[in-house]
Amino acid sequence: MLLFTIALAVASCGEKSGDTGDAVPQQARVAAAPAPGVTDSTDWKNVDQALGRTGKVQPGEVYKYSMPRSDLRVSAGGVAVKPALALGSWVAFKRADGTAMAMGDLVLTENEIAPVMR
């Protein structure tokens, strides 16, 4: 369900009509690349709302959400693992040719796996 919600939110962030697509030569697209800190014409507010947090612009026109799991208490060999060290989930999005690519890493408990996989 979460993945469907994220996909729906990303789909609603599509580029505005009138996109010239491949009609613009590659050299012109590179020359007209957005300024640093600007991902593209995508409005990420719908994704922010779906995830309940604000993402951050990363190098390469990537929009990333970090989701630390401070609710978990984990130890390895009797040593407590700090949440900031290894218990952070994240998901990142990048617009590409009118679509969006997503990549991420989720820290889940055993009971959370099945609902996420649906």
C-alpha atoms as a PDB file:
ATOM      1  CA  MET A   1       0.000   0.000   0.000  1.00  0.00           C
ATOM      2  CA  LEU A   2       2.836   2.373   0.874  1.00  0.00           C
ATOM      3  CA  LEU A   3       4.542   1.728  -2.464  1.00  0.00           C
ATOM      4  CA  PHE A   4       1.261   2.339  -4.313  1.00  0.00           C
ATOM      5  CA  THR A   5       0.787   5.634  -2.444  1.00  0.00           C
ATOM      6  CA  ILE A   6       4.311   6.739  -3.296  1.00  0.00           C
ATOM      7  CA  ALA A   7       3.906   5.733  -6.959  1.00  0.00           C
ATOM      8  CA  LEU A   8       0.616   7.624  -7.163  1.00  0.00           C
ATOM      9  CA  ALA A   9       2.162  10.714  -5.598  1.00  0.00           C
ATOM     10  CA  VAL A  10       5.129  10.633  -7.989  1.00  0.00           C
ATOM     11  CA  ALA A  11       2.833  10.159 -10.978  1.00  0.00           C
ATOM     12  CA  SER A  12       0.889  13.266  -9.980  1.00  0.00           C
ATOM     13  CA  CYS A  13       4.125  15.263 -10.089  1.00  0.00           C
ATOM     14  CA  GLY A  14       4.446  14.871 -13.859  1.00  0.00           C
ATOM     15  CA  GLU A  15       5.781  17.526 -16.125  1.00  0.00           C
ATOM     16  CA  LYS A  16       3.448  20.171 -17.450  1.00  0.00           C
ATOM     17  CA  SER A  17       1.848  19.753 -20.869  1.00  0.00           C
ATOM     18  CA  GLY A  18       3.772  21.170 -23.756  1.00  0.00           C
ATOM     19  CA  ASP A  19       6.906  19.203 -22.869  1.00  0.00           C
ATOM     20  CA  THR A  20       9.119  19.154 -25.955  1.00  0.00           C
ATOM     21  CA  GLY A  21      10.546  15.734 -25.059  1.00  0.00           C
ATOM     22  CA  ASP A  22      12.982  14.432 -27.645  1.00  0.00           C
ATOM     23  CA  ALA A  23      12.318  17.355 -29.995  1.00  0.00           C
ATOM     24  CA  VAL A  24      15.078  19.215 -28.104  1.00  0.00           C
ATOM     25  CA  PRO A  25      18.602  18.125 -29.057  1.00  0.00           C
ATOM     26  CA  GLN A  26      20.659  16.566 -26.247  1.00  0.00           C
ATOM     27  CA  GLN A  27      23.174  19.448 -26.359  1.00  0.00           C
ATOM     28  CA  ALA A  28      20.396  21.987 -25.771  1.00  0.00           C
ATOM     29  CA  ARG A  29      19.034  19.991 -22.821  1.00  0.00           C
ATOM     30  CA  VAL A  30      22.478  19.858 -21.212  1.00  0.00           C
ATOM     31  CA  ALA A  31      23.026  23.572 -21.784  1.00  0.00           C
ATOM     32  CA  ALA A  32      19.631  24.337 -20.255  1.00  0.00           C
ATOM     33  CA  ALA A  33      20.206  22.171 -17.173  1.00  0.00           C
ATOM     34  CA  PRO A  34      18.648  23.575 -14.007  1.00  0.00           C
ATOM     35  CA  ALA A  35      20.718  25.497 -11.513  1.00  0.00           C
ATOM     36  CA  PRO A  36      22.182  23.541  -8.594  1.00  0.00           C
ATOM     37  CA  GLY A  37      19.554  22.946  -5.923  1.00  0.00           C
ATOM     38  CA  VAL A  38      16.690  22.787  -8.420  1.00  0.00           C
ATOM     39  CA  THR A  39      15.630  19.235  -9.270  1.00  0.00           C
ATOM     40  CA  ASP A  40      13.460  20.020 -12.312  1.00  0.00           C
ATOM     41  CA  SER A  41       9.968  21.305 -13.001  1.00  0.00           C
ATOM     42  CA  THR A  42       8.509  18.580 -10.778  1.00  0.00           C
ATOM     43  CA  ASP A  43       6.455  19.743  -7.830  1.00  0.00           C
ATOM     44  CA  TRP A  44       7.425  17.308  -5.073  1.00  0.00           C
ATOM     45  CA  LYS A  45       4.783  18.608  -2.622  1.00  0.00           C
ATOM     46  CA  ASN A  46       2.423  15.704  -3.394  1.00  0.00           C
ATOM     47  CA  VAL A  47       5.164  13.203  -2.564  1.00  0.00           C
ATOM     48  CA  ASP A  48       6.038  15.186   0.589  1.00  0.00           C
ATOM     49  CA  GLN A  49       2.401  14.969   1.633  1.00  0.00           C
ATOM     50  CA  ALA A  50       2.124  11.228   0.872  1.00  0.00           C
ATOM     51  CA  LEU A  51       5.252  10.453   2.902  1.00  0.00           C
ATOM     52  CA  GLY A  52       4.458  12.887   5.706  1.00  0.00           C
ATOM     53  CA  ARG A  53       7.835  14.594   5.487  1.00  0.00           C
ATOM     54  CA  THR A  54       9.822  16.946   3.268  1.00  0.00           C
ATOM     55  CA  GLY A  55      12.479  15.562   0.983  1.00  0.00           C
ATOM     56  CA  LYS A  56      15.827  17.160   0.225  1.00  0.00           C
ATOM     57  CA  VAL A  57      17.506  17.919  -3.078  1.00  0.00           C
ATOM     58  CA  GLN A  58      20.658  15.857  -3.639  1.00  0.00           C
ATOM     59  CA  PRO A  59      23.360  16.151  -6.317  1.00  0.00           C
ATOM     60  CA  GLY A  60      22.292  14.865  -9.717  1.00  0.00           C
ATOM     61  CA  GLU A  61      18.744  16.252  -9.525  1.00  0.00           C
ATOM     62  CA  VAL A  62      17.703  13.572  -7.017  1.00  0.00           C
ATOM     63  CA  TYR A  63      14.997  14.184  -4.389  1.00  0.00           C
ATOM     64  CA  LYS A  64      15.613  12.094  -1.236  1.00  0.00           C
ATOM     65  CA  TYR A  65      13.573  11.310   1.869  1.00  0.00           C
ATOM     66  CA  SER A  66      15.289  10.037   5.013  1.00  0.00           C
ATOM     67  CA  MET A  67      13.293   8.102   7.595  1.00  0.00           C
ATOM     68  CA  PRO A  68      15.305   7.232  10.706  1.00  0.00           C
ATOM     69  CA  ARG A  69      13.948   4.392  12.880  1.00  0.00           C
ATOM     70  CA  SER A  70      14.511   5.761  16.386  1.00  0.00           C
ATOM     71  CA  ASP A  71      11.683   3.495  17.629  1.00  0.00           C
ATOM     72  CA  LEU A  72      13.860   0.363  17.351  1.00  0.00           C
ATOM     73  CA  ARG A  73      16.316  -0.913  19.960  1.00  0.00           C
ATOM     74  CA  VAL A  74      18.917  -3.096  18.260  1.00  0.00           C
ATOM     75  CA  SER A  75      22.124  -4.619  19.566  1.00  0.00           C
ATOM     76  CA  ALA A  76      24.841  -6.679  17.905  1.00  0.00           C
ATOM     77  CA  GLY A  77      27.157  -8.731  20.075  1.00  0.00           C
ATOM     78  CA  GLY A  78      25.812  -6.953  23.143  1.00  0.00           C
ATOM     79  CA  VAL A  79      26.596  -3.502  21.732  1.00  0.00           C
ATOM     80  CA  ALA A  80      23.703  -1.112  21.091  1.00  0.00           C
ATOM     81  CA  VAL A  81      23.442   0.017  17.466  1.00  0.00           C
ATOM     82  CA  LYS A  82      22.786   3.742  17.166  1.00  0.00           C
ATOM     83  CA  PRO A  83      19.759   4.469  14.930  1.00  0.00           C
ATOM     84  CA  ALA A  84      21.682   7.108  12.971  1.00  0.00           C
ATOM     85  CA  LEU A  85      24.402   4.568  12.184  1.00  0.00           C
ATOM     86  CA  ALA A  86      22.430   1.743  10.584  1.00  0.00           C
ATOM     87  CA  LEU A  87      18.706   2.045  11.225  1.00  0.00           C
ATOM     88  CA  GLY A  88      17.712   4.641   8.667  1.00  0.00           C
ATOM     89  CA  SER A  89      15.300   4.023   5.819  1.00  0.00           C
ATOM     90  CA  TRP A  90      15.435   6.220   2.746  1.00  0.00           C
ATOM     91  CA  VAL A  91      13.820   6.600  -0.647  1.00  0.00           C
ATOM     92  CA  ALA A  92      15.016   8.788  -3.514  1.00  0.00           C
ATOM     93  CA  PHE A  93      13.381   9.856  -6.765  1.00  0.00           C
ATOM     94  CA  LYS A  94      14.768  11.164 -10.041  1.00  0.00           C
ATOM     95  CA  ARG A  95      12.790  12.392 -13.021  1.00  0.00           C
ATOM     96  CA  ALA A  96      13.892  10.862 -16.314  1.00  0.00           C
ATOM     97  CA  ASP A  97      12.288  11.320 -19.729  1.00  0.00           C
ATOM     98  CA  GLY A  98       8.832  12.143 -18.343  1.00  0.00           C
ATOM     99  CA  THR A  99       8.844   9.315 -15.785  1.00  0.00           C
ATOM    100  CA  ALA A 100      10.289   8.876 -12.313  1.00  0.00           C
ATOM    101  CA  MET A 101      12.772   6.345 -11.019  1.00  0.00           C
ATOM    102  CA  ALA A 102      12.699   5.362  -7.340  1.00  0.00           C
ATOM    103  CA  MET A 103      15.345   3.679  -5.230  1.00  0.00           C
ATOM    104  CA  GLY A 104      15.536   3.132  -1.516  1.00  0.00           C
ATOM    105  CA  ASP A 105      16.351   1.041   1.486  1.00  0.00           C
ATOM    106  CA  LEU A 106      13.816   0.168   4.177  1.00  0.00           C
ATOM    107  CA  VAL A 107      14.576  -0.867   7.739  1.00  0.00           C
ATOM    108  CA  LEU A 108      11.651  -3.112   8.716  1.00  0.00           C
ATOM    109  CA  THR A 109      10.690  -5.362  11.591  1.00  0.00           C
ATOM    110  CA  GLU A 110       9.491  -8.881  10.814  1.00  0.00           C
ATOM    111  CA  ASN A 111       5.846  -7.798  11.252  1.00  0.00           C
ATOM    112  CA  GLU A 112       6.259  -4.898   8.792  1.00  0.00           C
ATOM    113  CA  ILE A 113       7.582  -6.917   5.851  1.00  0.00           C
ATOM    114  CA  ALA A 114       4.316  -8.482   4.580  1.00  0.00           C
ATOM    115  CA  PRO A 115       2.300  -5.207   4.490  1.00  0.00           C
ATOM    116  CA  VAL A 116       5.101  -3.459   2.580  1.00  0.00           C
ATOM    117  CA  MET A 117       5.381  -6.301   0.058  1.00  0.00           C
ATOM    118  CA  ARG A 118       1.685  -6.127  -0.894  1.00  0.00           C
END
